[in-house]
Each structure stands twice: as C-alpha cells, then as structure tokens.
Amino acid sequence: MKPEFDQNKSIYLQIAEGIEDNILKKVIEEEGQVPSTNQLAALYRINPATAAKGINLLVNEGIIYKKRGIGMFVTPGAVEKIKSKRKKGFYQKFIVPLRDEAANLGISEDEITDMIKKAKEK
C-alpha cells in the first residue's frame, strides 16, 4: 500500500518518519532489517536518492546502522531514541502553543487538565 505524501513536508522526512513508525509499532524490531533504498524507491515510486536521504537521516540520528554488504538494521535502543525525540517535538509543537493560548484566554492548568480528561472520555 502506497501512502499519500504530504505536500507540505519533504518526502525524505516522511520516509524517515514512516520507518520510525514501523519501529515504534514493532513492525521492524530492534536489530531487524530495514527496507533498502531501492526497495523504498520502488515501493513509493520515488528517486532512490530521496529514499537514501531519509535512511541517512536515521543513520545520523543513531536509529539505524549499516552492516556492510548486508543492509540497514535497527539499532538496539532505537525505540527509546525515537520516543525521546518525538516527545521533545510534541512539547514544542503542541504543549508550548497550548500553554501560550491558555494564558491568552485565562485558562488555568486545572481547566486544561479537565479538558484533557473530558476529551479522553469521548
């Protein structure tokens, strides 16, 4: 199944995030092999250089590593690295703007907590 790429984000970033998603969902286990650049390029009908850029991003972050002549594999501890990275991103993307808007509207921390609990019930 081919995903629809988000036109507002670089494809190589979406490739890297897709691999990260598969690692978090245990579709690819730690020490498991990651699809090759050519496999990704064929699957998504993209330039192999674009796929390689996504792979290299994950290598530089220590999430995957290369076994020469064999392929790319998930680094032990990758799940925790991904979670840590994404938690930081979550904070910057969602929590900081939430805090700022709540301050603008005079919404207390308790009110925010109640709103979150209410949203979980739905």
PDB file of N, CA and C in Angstrom:
ATOM      1  N   MET A   1       0.843  -1.174   0.000  1.00  0.00           N
ATOM      2  CA  MET A   1       0.000   0.000   0.000  1.00  0.00           C
ATOM      3  C   MET A   1       0.889   1.237   0.000  1.00  0.00           C
ATOM      4  N   LYS A   2       0.638   2.146  -0.912  1.00  0.00           N
ATOM      5  CA  LYS A   2       1.428   3.361  -1.013  1.00  0.00           C
ATOM      6  C   LYS A   2       0.725   4.506  -0.295  1.00  0.00           C
ATOM      7  N   PRO A   3       1.463   5.199   0.566  1.00  0.00           N
ATOM      8  CA  PRO A   3       0.843   6.328   1.249  1.00  0.00           C
ATOM      9  C   PRO A   3       0.759   7.542   0.342  1.00  0.00           C
ATOM     10  N   GLU A   4      -0.108   8.427   0.705  1.00  0.00           N
ATOM     11  CA  GLU A   4      -0.166   9.730   0.053  1.00  0.00           C
ATOM     12  C   GLU A   4       0.829  10.598   0.801  1.00  0.00           C
ATOM     13  N   PHE A   5       1.749  11.176   0.069  1.00  0.00           N
ATOM     14  CA  PHE A   5       2.719  12.042   0.722  1.00  0.00           C
ATOM     15  C   PHE A   5       2.108  13.404   0.979  1.00  0.00           C
ATOM     16  N   ASP A   6       2.457  13.977   2.114  1.00  0.00           N
ATOM     17  CA  ASP A   6       2.042  15.323   2.495  1.00  0.00           C
ATOM     18  C   ASP A   6       2.872  16.302   1.676  1.00  0.00           C
ATOM     19  N   GLN A   7       2.221  17.135   0.904  1.00  0.00           N
ATOM     20  CA  GLN A   7       2.912  18.074   0.033  1.00  0.00           C
ATOM     21  C   GLN A   7       3.633  19.179   0.808  1.00  0.00           C
ATOM     22  N   ASN A   8       3.323  19.311   2.094  1.00  0.00           N
ATOM     23  CA  ASN A   8       3.928  20.366   2.906  1.00  0.00           C
ATOM     24  C   ASN A   8       5.181  19.918   3.649  1.00  0.00           C
ATOM     25  N   LYS A   9       5.594  18.673   3.434  1.00  0.00           N
ATOM     26  CA  LYS A   9       6.758  18.141   4.130  1.00  0.00           C
ATOM     27  C   LYS A   9       7.615  17.363   3.151  1.00  0.00           C
ATOM     28  N   SER A  10       8.916  17.485   3.263  1.00  0.00           N
ATOM     29  CA  SER A  10       9.840  16.785   2.367  1.00  0.00           C
ATOM     30  C   SER A  10       9.600  15.282   2.411  1.00  0.00           C
ATOM     31  N   ILE A  11       9.671  14.661   1.242  1.00  0.00           N
ATOM     32  CA  ILE A  11       9.420  13.219   1.145  1.00  0.00           C
ATOM     33  C   ILE A  11      10.436  12.434   1.963  1.00  0.00           C
ATOM     34  N   TYR A  12      11.702  12.848   1.943  1.00  0.00           N
ATOM     35  CA  TYR A  12      12.703  12.091   2.694  1.00  0.00           C
ATOM     36  C   TYR A  12      12.390  12.100   4.195  1.00  0.00           C
ATOM     37  N   LEU A  13      11.829  13.204   4.704  1.00  0.00           N
ATOM     38  CA  LEU A  13      11.429  13.243   6.120  1.00  0.00           C
ATOM     39  C   LEU A  13      10.273  12.291   6.380  1.00  0.00           C
ATOM     40  N   GLN A  14       9.356  12.204   5.432  1.00  0.00           N
ATOM     41  CA  GLN A  14       8.213  11.300   5.578  1.00  0.00           C
ATOM     42  C   GLN A  14       8.663   9.839   5.508  1.00  0.00           C
ATOM     43  N   ILE A  15       9.660   9.558   4.681  1.00  0.00           N
ATOM     44  CA  ILE A  15      10.226   8.198   4.608  1.00  0.00           C
ATOM     45  C   ILE A  15      10.838   7.843   5.964  1.00  0.00           C
ATOM     46  N   ALA A  16      11.641   8.755   6.515  1.00  0.00           N
ATOM     47  CA  ALA A  16      12.275   8.511   7.814  1.00  0.00           C
ATOM     48  C   ALA A  16      11.221   8.312   8.903  1.00  0.00           C
ATOM     49  N   GLU A  17      10.198   9.163   8.915  1.00  0.00           N
ATOM     50  CA  GLU A  17       9.132   9.032   9.916  1.00  0.00           C
ATOM     51  C   GLU A  17       8.369   7.722   9.755  1.00  0.00           C
ATOM     52  N   GLY A  18       8.167   7.292   8.524  1.00  0.00           N
ATOM     53  CA  GLY A  18       7.481   6.023   8.283  1.00  0.00           C
ATOM     54  C   GLY A  18       8.271   4.849   8.833  1.00  0.00           C
ATOM     55  N   ILE A  19       9.580   4.887   8.657  1.00  0.00           N
ATOM     56  CA  ILE A  19      10.424   3.831   9.219  1.00  0.00           C
ATOM     57  C   ILE A  19      10.374   3.885  10.745  1.00  0.00           C
ATOM     58  N   GLU A  20      10.454   5.104  11.288  1.00  0.00           N
ATOM     59  CA  GLU A  20      10.338   5.251  12.743  1.00  0.00           C
ATOM     60  C   GLU A  20       9.004   4.699  13.247  1.00  0.00           C
ATOM     61  N   ASP A  21       7.920   5.006  12.547  1.00  0.00           N
ATOM     62  CA  ASP A  21       6.608   4.487  12.933  1.00  0.00           C
ATOM     63  C   ASP A  21       6.619   2.968  12.970  1.00  0.00           C
ATOM     64  N   ASN A  22       7.229   2.351  11.955  1.00  0.00           N
ATOM     65  CA  ASN A  22       7.297   0.888  11.903  1.00  0.00           C
ATOM     66  C   ASN A  22       8.131   0.318  13.049  1.00  0.00           C
ATOM     67  N   ILE A  23       9.159   1.056  13.452  1.00  0.00           N
ATOM     68  CA  ILE A  23       9.965   0.620  14.594  1.00  0.00           C
ATOM     69  C   ILE A  23       9.150   0.735  15.881  1.00  0.00           C
ATOM     70  N   LEU A  24       8.456   1.848  16.056  1.00  0.00           N
ATOM     71  CA  LEU A  24       7.641   2.030  17.267  1.00  0.00           C
ATOM     72  C   LEU A  24       6.518   1.005  17.360  1.00  0.00           C
ATOM     73  N   LYS A  25       5.945   0.638  16.212  1.00  0.00           N
ATOM     74  CA  LYS A  25       4.845  -0.333  16.184  1.00  0.00           C
ATOM     75  C   LYS A  25       5.347  -1.767  16.185  1.00  0.00           C
ATOM     76  N   LYS A  26       6.660  -1.929  16.251  1.00  0.00           N
ATOM     77  CA  LYS A  26       7.306  -3.252  16.256  1.00  0.00           C
ATOM     78  C   LYS A  26       7.096  -4.021  14.944  1.00  0.00           C
ATOM     79  N   VAL A  27       6.766  -3.314  13.869  1.00  0.00           N
ATOM     80  CA  VAL A  27       6.724  -3.942  12.546  1.00  0.00           C
ATOM     81  C   VAL A  27       8.153  -4.325  12.165  1.00  0.00           C
ATOM     82  N   ILE A  28       9.099  -3.449  12.544  1.00  0.00           N
ATOM     83  CA  ILE A  28      10.525  -3.743  12.412  1.00  0.00           C
ATOM     84  C   ILE A  28      11.096  -3.718  13.821  1.00  0.00           C
ATOM     85  N   GLU A  29      11.602  -4.842  14.275  1.00  0.00           N
ATOM     86  CA  GLU A  29      12.148  -4.961  15.629  1.00  0.00           C
ATOM     87  C   GLU A  29      13.557  -4.374  15.697  1.00  0.00           C
ATOM     88  N   GLU A  30      14.004  -4.077  16.905  1.00  0.00           N
ATOM     89  CA  GLU A  30      15.393  -3.686  17.081  1.00  0.00           C
ATOM     90  C   GLU A  30      16.264  -4.843  16.601  1.00  0.00           C
ATOM     91  N   GLU A  31      17.308  -4.510  15.873  1.00  0.00           N
ATOM     92  CA  GLU A  31      18.212  -5.449  15.185  1.00  0.00           C
ATOM     93  C   GLU A  31      17.575  -6.049  13.927  1.00  0.00           C
ATOM     94  N   GLY A  32      16.329  -5.656  13.626  1.00  0.00           N
ATOM     95  CA  GLY A  32      15.679  -6.118  12.409  1.00  0.00           C
ATOM     96  C   GLY A  32      16.145  -5.312  11.205  1.00  0.00           C
ATOM     97  N   GLN A  33      16.018  -5.920  10.032  1.00  0.00           N
ATOM     98  CA  GLN A  33      16.468  -5.259   8.808  1.00  0.00           C
ATOM     99  C   GLN A  33      15.424  -4.272   8.294  1.00  0.00           C
ATOM    100  N   VAL A  34      15.916  -3.140   7.846  1.00  0.00           N
ATOM    101  CA  VAL A  34      15.099  -2.069   7.286  1.00  0.00           C
ATOM    102  C   VAL A  34      15.084  -2.240   5.762  1.00  0.00           C
ATOM    103  N   PRO A  35      13.970  -1.903   5.095  1.00  0.00           N
ATOM    104  CA  PRO A  35      13.969  -1.986   3.627  1.00  0.00           C
ATOM    105  C   PRO A  35      15.112  -1.168   3.030  1.00  0.00           C
ATOM    106  N   SER A  36      15.636  -1.659   1.946  1.00  0.00           N
ATOM    107  CA  SER A  36      16.752  -0.971   1.285  1.00  0.00           C
ATOM    108  C   SER A  36      16.271   0.293   0.582  1.00  0.00           C
ATOM    109  N   THR A  37      17.220   1.113   0.230  1.00  0.00           N
ATOM    110  CA  THR A  37      16.928   2.337  -0.531  1.00  0.00           C
ATOM    111  C   THR A  37      16.186   1.994  -1.814  1.00  0.00           C
ATOM    112  N   ASN A  38      16.647   0.968  -2.509  1.00  0.00           N
ATOM    113  CA  ASN A  38      16.000   0.575  -3.770  1.00  0.00           C
ATOM    114  C   ASN A  38      14.593   0.032  -3.535  1.00  0.00           C
ATOM    115  N   GLN A  39      14.391  -0.708  -2.467  1.00  0.00           N
ATOM    116  CA  GLN A  39      13.054  -1.211  -2.151  1.00  0.00           C
ATOM    117  C   GLN A  39      12.106  -0.056  -1.841  1.00  0.00           C
ATOM    118  N   LEU A  40      12.575   0.904  -1.069  1.00  0.00           N
ATOM    119  CA  LEU A  40      11.751   2.073  -0.742  1.00  0.00           C
ATOM    120  C   LEU A  40      11.432   2.880  -1.999  1.00  0.00           C
ATOM    121  N   ALA A  41      12.447   3.063  -2.837  1.00  0.00           N
ATOM    122  CA  ALA A  41      12.245   3.830  -4.070  1.00  0.00           C
ATOM    123  C   ALA A  41      11.208   3.156  -4.962  1.00  0.00           C
ATOM    124  N   ALA A  42      11.274   1.838  -5.085  1.00  0.00           N
ATOM    125  CA  ALA A  42      10.319   1.109  -5.923  1.00  0.00           C
ATOM    126  C   ALA A  42       8.919   1.128  -5.299  1.00  0.00           C
ATOM    127  N   LEU A  43       8.845   0.928  -4.003  1.00  0.00           N
ATOM    128  CA  LEU A  43       7.558   0.891  -3.304  1.00  0.00           C
ATOM    129  C   LEU A  43       6.810   2.214  -3.425  1.00  0.00           C
ATOM    130  N   TYR A  44       7.532   3.305  -3.211  1.00  0.00           N
ATOM    131  CA  TYR A  44       6.896   4.624  -3.199  1.00  0.00           C
ATOM    132  C   TYR A  44       7.018   5.376  -4.515  1.00  0.00           C
ATOM    133  N   ARG A  45       7.696   4.744  -5.471  1.00  0.00           N
ATOM    134  CA  ARG A  45       7.920   5.368  -6.781  1.00  0.00           C
ATOM    135  C   ARG A  45       8.566   6.746  -6.635  1.00  0.00           C
ATOM    136  N   ILE A  46       9.684   6.723  -5.928  1.00  0.00           N
ATOM    137  CA  ILE A  46      10.449   7.938  -5.724  1.00  0.00           C
ATOM    138  C   ILE A  46      11.885   7.715  -6.175  1.00  0.00           C
ATOM    139  N   ASN A  47      12.633   8.776  -6.267  1.00  0.00           N
ATOM    140  CA  ASN A  47      14.037   8.703  -6.630  1.00  0.00           C
ATOM    141  C   ASN A  47      14.800   7.993  -5.511  1.00  0.00           C
ATOM    142  N   PRO A  48      15.682   7.046  -5.859  1.00  0.00           N
ATOM    143  CA  PRO A  48      16.470   6.370  -4.827  1.00  0.00           C
ATOM    144  C   PRO A  48      17.275   7.336  -3.956  1.00  0.00           C
ATOM    145  N   ALA A  49      17.692   8.458  -4.507  1.00  0.00           N
ATOM    146  CA  ALA A  49      18.439   9.448  -3.716  1.00  0.00           C
ATOM    147  C   ALA A  49      17.570  10.033  -2.601  1.00  0.00           C
ATOM    148  N   THR A  50      16.286  10.179  -2.872  1.00  0.00           N
ATOM    149  CA  THR A  50      15.354  10.688  -1.855  1.00  0.00           C
ATOM    150  C   THR A  50      15.208   9.667  -0.730  1.00  0.00           C
ATOM    151  N   ALA A  51      15.052   8.407  -1.103  1.00  0.00           N
ATOM    152  CA  ALA A  51      14.957   7.340  -0.104  1.00  0.00           C
ATOM    153  C   ALA A  51      16.249   7.273   0.711  1.00  0.00           C
ATOM    154  N   ALA A  52      17.380   7.400   0.036  1.00  0.00           N
ATOM    155  CA  ALA A  52      18.674   7.349   0.720  1.00  0.00           C
ATOM    156  C   ALA A  52      18.821   8.496   1.712  1.00  0.00           C
ATOM    157  N   LYS A  53      18.298   9.655   1.361  1.00  0.00           N
ATOM    158  CA  LYS A  53      18.375  10.806   2.264  1.00  0.00           C
ATOM    159  C   LYS A  53      17.602  10.530   3.563  1.00  0.00           C
ATOM    160  N   GLY A  54      16.435   9.893   3.434  1.00  0.00           N
ATOM    161  CA  GLY A  54      15.662   9.515   4.620  1.00  0.00           C
ATOM    162  C   GLY A  54      16.391   8.482   5.470  1.00  0.00           C
ATOM    163  N   ILE A  55      16.980   7.497   4.812  1.00  0.00           N
ATOM    164  CA  ILE A  55      17.752   6.467   5.509  1.00  0.00           C
ATOM    165  C   ILE A  55      18.953   7.102   6.216  1.00  0.00           C
ATOM    166  N   ASN A  56      19.669   7.963   5.506  1.00  0.00           N
ATOM    167  CA  ASN A  56      20.863   8.602   6.086  1.00  0.00           C
ATOM    168  C   ASN A  56      20.520   9.472   7.293  1.00  0.00           C
ATOM    169  N   LEU A  57      19.358  10.094   7.271  1.00  0.00           N
ATOM    170  CA  LEU A  57      18.916  10.878   8.415  1.00  0.00           C
ATOM    171  C   LEU A  57      18.828   9.989   9.654  1.00  0.00           C
ATOM    172  N   LEU A  58      18.247   8.801   9.478  1.00  0.00           N
ATOM    173  CA  LEU A  58      18.105   7.862  10.601  1.00  0.00           C
ATOM    174  C   LEU A  58      19.459   7.305  11.047  1.00  0.00           C
ATOM    175  N   VAL A  59      20.364   7.120  10.099  1.00  0.00           N
ATOM    176  CA  VAL A  59      21.722   6.673  10.448  1.00  0.00           C
ATOM    177  C   VAL A  59      22.403   7.745  11.290  1.00  0.00           C
ATOM    178  N   ASN A  60      22.299   8.995  10.853  1.00  0.00           N
ATOM    179  CA  ASN A  60      22.935  10.101  11.586  1.00  0.00           C
ATOM    180  C   ASN A  60      22.365  10.275  12.985  1.00  0.00           C
ATOM    181  N   GLU A  61      21.093   9.899  13.172  1.00  0.00           N
ATOM    182  CA  GLU A  61      20.459  10.003  14.489  1.00  0.00           C
ATOM    183  C   GLU A  61      20.716   8.765  15.350  1.00  0.00           C
ATOM    184  N   GLY A  62      21.404   7.770  14.796  1.00  0.00           N
ATOM    185  CA  GLY A  62      21.705   6.562  15.551  1.00  0.00           C
ATOM    186  C   GLY A  62      20.530   5.610  15.699  1.00  0.00           C
ATOM    187  N   ILE A  63      19.550   5.743  14.817  1.00  0.00           N
ATOM    188  CA  ILE A  63      18.359   4.891  14.882  1.00  0.00           C
ATOM    189  C   ILE A  63      18.550   3.613  14.060  1.00  0.00           C
ATOM    190  N   ILE A  64      19.261   3.723  12.970  1.00  0.00           N
ATOM    191  CA  ILE A  64      19.606   2.533  12.181  1.00  0.00           C
ATOM    192  C   ILE A  64      21.109   2.568  11.887  1.00  0.00           C
ATOM    193  N   TYR A  65      21.640   1.403  11.529  1.00  0.00           N
ATOM    194  CA  TYR A  65      23.061   1.301  11.202  1.00  0.00           C
ATOM    195  C   TYR A  65      23.230   0.366  10.019  1.00  0.00           C
ATOM    196  N   LYS A  66      24.385   0.480   9.374  1.00  0.00           N
ATOM    197  CA  LYS A  66      24.657  -0.311   8.177  1.00  0.00           C
ATOM    198  C   LYS A  66      25.583  -1.471   8.509  1.00  0.00           C
ATOM    199  N   LYS A  67      25.182  -2.653   8.026  1.00  0.00           N
ATOM    200  CA  LYS A  67      26.069  -3.810   8.032  1.00  0.00           C
ATOM    201  C   LYS A  67      26.567  -3.928   6.606  1.00  0.00           C
ATOM    202  N   ARG A  68      27.814  -3.642   6.417  1.00  0.00           N
ATOM    203  CA  ARG A  68      28.383  -3.579   5.070  1.00  0.00           C
ATOM    204  C   ARG A  68      28.115  -4.859   4.281  1.00  0.00           C
ATOM    205  N   GLY A  69      27.528  -4.662   3.105  1.00  0.00           N
ATOM    206  CA  GLY A  69      27.243  -5.774   2.212  1.00  0.00           C
ATOM    207  C   GLY A  69      25.979  -6.542   2.553  1.00  0.00           C
ATOM    208  N   ILE A  70      25.329  -6.192   3.657  1.00  0.00           N
ATOM    209  CA  ILE A  70      24.128  -6.922   4.072  1.00  0.00           C
ATOM    210  C   ILE A  70      22.899  -6.025   4.029  1.00  0.00           C
ATOM    211  N   GLY A  71      22.996  -4.827   4.614  1.00  0.00           N
ATOM    212  CA  GLY A  71      21.852  -3.921   4.615  1.00  0.00           C
ATOM    213  C   GLY A  71      21.827  -3.031   5.837  1.00  0.00           C
ATOM    214  N   MET A  72      20.676  -2.410   6.044  1.00  0.00           N
ATOM    215  CA  MET A  72      20.471  -1.487   7.150  1.00  0.00           C
ATOM    216  C   MET A  72      19.641  -2.180   8.231  1.00  0.00           C
ATOM    217  N   PHE A  73      19.998  -1.926   9.493  1.00  0.00           N
ATOM    218  CA  PHE A  73      19.350  -2.586  10.616  1.00  0.00           C
ATOM    219  C   PHE A  73      19.015  -1.578  11.719  1.00  0.00           C
ATOM    220  N   VAL A  74      18.013  -1.915  12.510  1.00  0.00           N
ATOM    221  CA  VAL A  74      17.583  -1.053  13.602  1.00  0.00           C
ATOM    222  C   VAL A  74      18.562  -1.198  14.769  1.00  0.00           C
ATOM    223  N   THR A  75      19.014  -0.073  15.261  1.00  0.00           N
ATOM    224  CA  THR A  75      19.948  -0.023  16.373  1.00  0.00           C
ATOM    225  C   THR A  75      19.257  -0.444  17.671  1.00  0.00           C
ATOM    226  N   PRO A  76      19.939  -1.241  18.507  1.00  0.00           N
ATOM    227  CA  PRO A  76      19.378  -1.523  19.835  1.00  0.00           C
ATOM    228  C   PRO A  76      19.157  -0.197  20.576  1.00  0.00           C
ATOM    229  N   GLY A  77      18.024  -0.044  21.203  1.00  0.00           N
ATOM    230  CA  GLY A  77      17.694   1.196  21.901  1.00  0.00           C
ATOM    231  C   GLY A  77      17.032   2.234  21.015  1.00  0.00           C
ATOM    232  N   ALA A  78      16.764   1.881  19.753  1.00  0.00           N
ATOM    233  CA  ALA A  78      16.167   2.834  18.818  1.00  0.00           C
ATOM    234  C   ALA A  78      14.781   3.288  19.258  1.00  0.00           C
ATOM    235  N   VAL A  79      13.998   2.389  19.829  1.00  0.00           N
ATOM    236  CA  VAL A  79      12.638   2.746  20.253  1.00  0.00           C
ATOM    237  C   VAL A  79      12.689   3.899  21.249  1.00  0.00           C
ATOM    238  N   GLU A  80      13.573   3.807  22.217  1.00  0.00           N
ATOM    239  CA  GLU A  80      13.682   4.866  23.218  1.00  0.00           C
ATOM    240  C   GLU A  80      14.211   6.158  22.610  1.00  0.00           C
ATOM    241  N   LYS A  81      15.144   6.061  21.665  1.00  0.00           N
ATOM    242  CA  LYS A  81      15.651   7.261  20.983  1.00  0.00           C
ATOM    243  C   LYS A  81      14.528   7.963  20.226  1.00  0.00           C
ATOM    244  N   ILE A  82      13.723   7.186  19.533  1.00  0.00           N
ATOM    245  CA  ILE A  82      12.617   7.761  18.758  1.00  0.00           C
ATOM    246  C   ILE A  82      11.600   8.401  19.695  1.00  0.00           C
ATOM    247  N   LYS A  83      11.236   7.692  20.758  1.00  0.00           N
ATOM    248  CA  LYS A  83      10.268   8.239  21.716  1.00  0.00           C
ATOM    249  C   LYS A  83      10.775   9.541  22.321  1.00  0.00           C
ATOM    250  N   SER A  84      12.024   9.578  22.697  1.00  0.00           N
ATOM    251  CA  SER A  84      12.609  10.782  23.285  1.00  0.00           C
ATOM    252  C   SER A  84      12.574  11.945  22.291  1.00  0.00           C
ATOM    253  N   LYS A  85      12.971  11.676  21.068  1.00  0.00           N
ATOM    254  CA  LYS A  85      12.971  12.716  20.031  1.00  0.00           C
ATOM    255  C   LYS A  85      11.551  13.229  19.777  1.00  0.00           C
ATOM    256  N   ARG A  86      10.614  12.313  19.691  1.00  0.00           N
ATOM    257  CA  ARG A  86       9.237  12.707  19.393  1.00  0.00           C
ATOM    258  C   ARG A  86       8.566  13.408  20.571  1.00  0.00           C
ATOM    259  N   LYS A  87       8.933  13.042  21.784  1.00  0.00           N
ATOM    260  CA  LYS A  87       8.389  13.740  22.952  1.00  0.00           C
ATOM    261  C   LYS A  87       8.833  15.197  22.937  1.00  0.00           C
ATOM    262  N   LYS A  88      10.092  15.439  22.596  1.00  0.00           N
ATOM    263  CA  LYS A  88      10.586  16.814  22.507  1.00  0.00           C
ATOM    264  C   LYS A  88       9.828  17.577  21.426  1.00  0.00           C
ATOM    265  N   GLY A  89       9.621  16.933  20.295  1.00  0.00           N
ATOM    266  CA  GLY A  89       8.865  17.554  19.211  1.00  0.00           C
ATOM    267  C   GLY A  89       7.427  17.823  19.607  1.00  0.00           C
ATOM    268  N   PHE A  90       6.824  16.882  20.312  1.00  0.00           N
ATOM    269  CA  PHE A  90       5.446  17.030  20.790  1.00  0.00           C
ATOM    270  C   PHE A  90       5.338  18.246  21.707  1.00  0.00           C
ATOM    271  N   TYR A  91       6.300  18.376  22.585  1.00  0.00           N
ATOM    272  CA  TYR A  91       6.301  19.508  23.517  1.00  0.00           C
ATOM    273  C   TYR A  91       6.327  20.835  22.755  1.00  0.00           C
ATOM    274  N   GLN A  92       7.246  20.928  21.794  1.00  0.00           N
ATOM    275  CA  GLN A  92       7.388  22.178  21.037  1.00  0.00           C
ATOM    276  C   GLN A  92       6.188  22.449  20.133  1.00  0.00           C
ATOM    277  N   LYS A  93       5.668  21.416  19.524  1.00  0.00           N
ATOM    278  CA  LYS A  93       4.585  21.598  18.544  1.00  0.00           C
ATOM    279  C   LYS A  93       3.213  21.794  19.195  1.00  0.00           C
ATOM    280  N   PHE A  94       2.976  21.121  20.315  1.00  0.00           N
ATOM    281  CA  PHE A  94       1.638  21.136  20.907  1.00  0.00           C
ATOM    282  C   PHE A  94       1.562  21.812  22.280  1.00  0.00           C
ATOM    283  N   ILE A  95       2.476  21.481  23.168  1.00  0.00           N
ATOM    284  CA  ILE A  95       2.364  21.958  24.546  1.00  0.00           C
ATOM    285  C   ILE A  95       2.663  23.451  24.657  1.00  0.00           C
ATOM    286  N   VAL A  96       3.737  23.905  24.032  1.00  0.00           N
ATOM    287  CA  VAL A  96       4.079  25.330  24.121  1.00  0.00           C
ATOM    288  C   VAL A  96       2.959  26.204  23.551  1.00  0.00           C
ATOM    289  N   PRO A  97       2.445  25.899  22.336  1.00  0.00           N
ATOM    290  CA  PRO A  97       1.326  26.720  21.841  1.00  0.00           C
ATOM    291  C   PRO A  97       0.071  26.605  22.713  1.00  0.00           C
ATOM    292  N   LEU A  98      -0.186  25.426  23.261  1.00  0.00           N
ATOM    293  CA  LEU A  98      -1.333  25.234  24.161  1.00  0.00           C
ATOM    294  C   LEU A  98      -1.179  26.117  25.394  1.00  0.00           C
ATOM    295  N   ARG A  99      -0.006  26.087  25.970  1.00  0.00           N
ATOM    296  CA  ARG A  99       0.258  26.912  27.153  1.00  0.00           C
ATOM    297  C   ARG A  99       0.068  28.396  26.845  1.00  0.00           C
ATOM    298  N   ASP A 100       0.623  28.824  25.715  1.00  0.00           N
ATOM    299  CA  ASP A 100       0.525  30.238  25.344  1.00  0.00           C
ATOM    300  C   ASP A 100      -0.921  30.664  25.094  1.00  0.00           C
ATOM    301  N   GLU A 101      -1.667  29.843  24.374  1.00  0.00           N
ATOM    302  CA  GLU A 101      -3.062  30.183  24.090  1.00  0.00           C
ATOM    303  C   GLU A 101      -3.902  30.141  25.362  1.00  0.00           C
ATOM    304  N   ALA A 102      -3.622  29.176  26.227  1.00  0.00           N
ATOM    305  CA  ALA A 102      -4.345  29.108  27.500  1.00  0.00           C
ATOM    306  C   ALA A 102      -4.089  30.366  28.318  1.00  0.00           C
ATOM    307  N   ALA A 103      -2.854  30.839  28.324  1.00  0.00           N
ATOM    308  CA  ALA A 103      -2.535  32.071  29.056  1.00  0.00           C
ATOM    309  C   ALA A 103      -3.285  33.255  28.458  1.00  0.00           C
ATOM    310  N   ASN A 104      -3.353  33.310  27.137  1.00  0.00           N
ATOM    311  CA  ASN A 104      -4.080  34.397  26.468  1.00  0.00           C
ATOM    312  C   ASN A 104      -5.562  34.393  26.833  1.00  0.00           C
ATOM    313  N   LEU A 105      -6.118  33.199  27.005  1.00  0.00           N
ATOM    314  CA  LEU A 105      -7.549  33.065  27.287  1.00  0.00           C
ATOM    315  C   LEU A 105      -7.867  32.997  28.775  1.00  0.00           C
ATOM    316  N   GLY A 106      -6.823  32.996  29.602  1.00  0.00           N
ATOM    317  CA  GLY A 106      -7.045  32.918  31.040  1.00  0.00           C
ATOM    318  C   GLY A 106      -7.501  31.551  31.505  1.00  0.00           C
ATOM    319  N   ILE A 107      -7.082  30.506  30.808  1.00  0.00           N
ATOM    320  CA  ILE A 107      -7.450  29.135  31.174  1.00  0.00           C
ATOM    321  C   ILE A 107      -6.399  28.601  32.151  1.00  0.00           C
ATOM    322  N   SER A 108      -6.853  28.091  33.286  1.00  0.00           N
ATOM    323  CA  SER A 108      -5.936  27.582  34.316  1.00  0.00           C
ATOM    324  C   SER A 108      -5.433  26.182  33.955  1.00  0.00           C
ATOM    325  N   GLU A 109      -4.394  25.769  34.667  1.00  0.00           N
ATOM    326  CA  GLU A 109      -3.867  24.408  34.474  1.00  0.00           C
ATOM    327  C   GLU A 109      -4.929  23.365  34.803  1.00  0.00           C
ATOM    328  N   ASP A 110      -5.701  23.618  35.858  1.00  0.00           N
ATOM    329  CA  ASP A 110      -6.761  22.678  36.244  1.00  0.00           C
ATOM    330  C   ASP A 110      -7.811  22.558  35.141  1.00  0.00           C
ATOM    331  N   GLU A 111      -8.150  23.681  34.518  1.00  0.00           N
ATOM    332  CA  GLU A 111      -9.127  23.656  33.426  1.00  0.00           C
ATOM    333  C   GLU A 111      -8.581  22.871  32.231  1.00  0.00           C
ATOM    334  N   ILE A 112      -7.300  23.058  31.949  1.00  0.00           N
ATOM    335  CA  ILE A 112      -6.678  22.307  30.850  1.00  0.00           C
ATOM    336  C   ILE A 112      -6.718  20.814  31.154  1.00  0.00           C
ATOM    337  N   THR A 113      -6.374  20.455  32.383  1.00  0.00           N
ATOM    338  CA  THR A 113      -6.397  19.046  32.791  1.00  0.00           C
ATOM    339  C   THR A 113      -7.802  18.473  32.658  1.00  0.00           C
ATOM    340  N   ASP A 114      -8.797  19.232  33.081  1.00  0.00           N
ATOM    341  CA  ASP A 114     -10.194  18.780  32.957  1.00  0.00           C
ATOM    342  C   ASP A 114     -10.578  18.593  31.484  1.00  0.00           C
ATOM    343  N   MET A 115     -10.145  19.517  30.638  1.00  0.00           N
ATOM    344  CA  MET A 115     -10.448  19.402  29.205  1.00  0.00           C
ATOM    345  C   MET A 115      -9.830  18.135  28.616  1.00  0.00           C
ATOM    346  N   ILE A 116      -8.594  17.841  29.012  1.00  0.00           N
ATOM    347  CA  ILE A 116      -7.920  16.637  28.506  1.00  0.00           C
ATOM    348  C   ILE A 116      -8.643  15.387  28.978  1.00  0.00           C
ATOM    349  N   LYS A 117      -9.027  15.361  30.260  1.00  0.00           N
ATOM    350  CA  LYS A 117      -9.768  14.208  30.783  1.00  0.00           C
ATOM    351  C   LYS A 117     -11.106  14.032  30.056  1.00  0.00           C
ATOM    352  N   LYS A 118     -11.766  15.142  29.799  1.00  0.00           N
ATOM    353  CA  LYS A 118     -13.046  15.086  29.096  1.00  0.00           C
ATOM    354  C   LYS A 118     -12.864  14.565  27.672  1.00  0.00           C
ATOM    355  N   ALA A 119     -11.797  14.984  27.033  1.00  0.00           N
ATOM    356  CA  ALA A 119     -11.527  14.538  25.667  1.00  0.00           C
ATOM    357  C   ALA A 119     -11.231  13.036  25.627  1.00  0.00           C
ATOM    358  N   LYS A 120     -10.589  12.514  26.662  1.00  0.00           N
ATOM    359  CA  LYS A 120     -10.301  11.088  26.726  1.00  0.00           C
ATOM    360  C   LYS A 120     -11.552  10.245  26.840  1.00  0.00           C
ATOM    361  N   GLU A 121     -12.594  10.827  27.448  1.00  0.00           N
ATOM    362  CA  GLU A 121     -13.858  10.109  27.642  1.00  0.00           C
ATOM    363  C   GLU A 121     -14.625   9.913  26.340  1.00  0.00           C
ATOM    364  N   LYS A 122     -14.367  10.755  25.363  1.00  0.00           N
ATOM    365  CA  LYS A 122     -15.124  10.689  24.106  1.00  0.00           C
ATOM    366  C   LYS A 122     -14.615   9.638  23.195  1.00  0.00           C
TER     367      LYS A 122
END
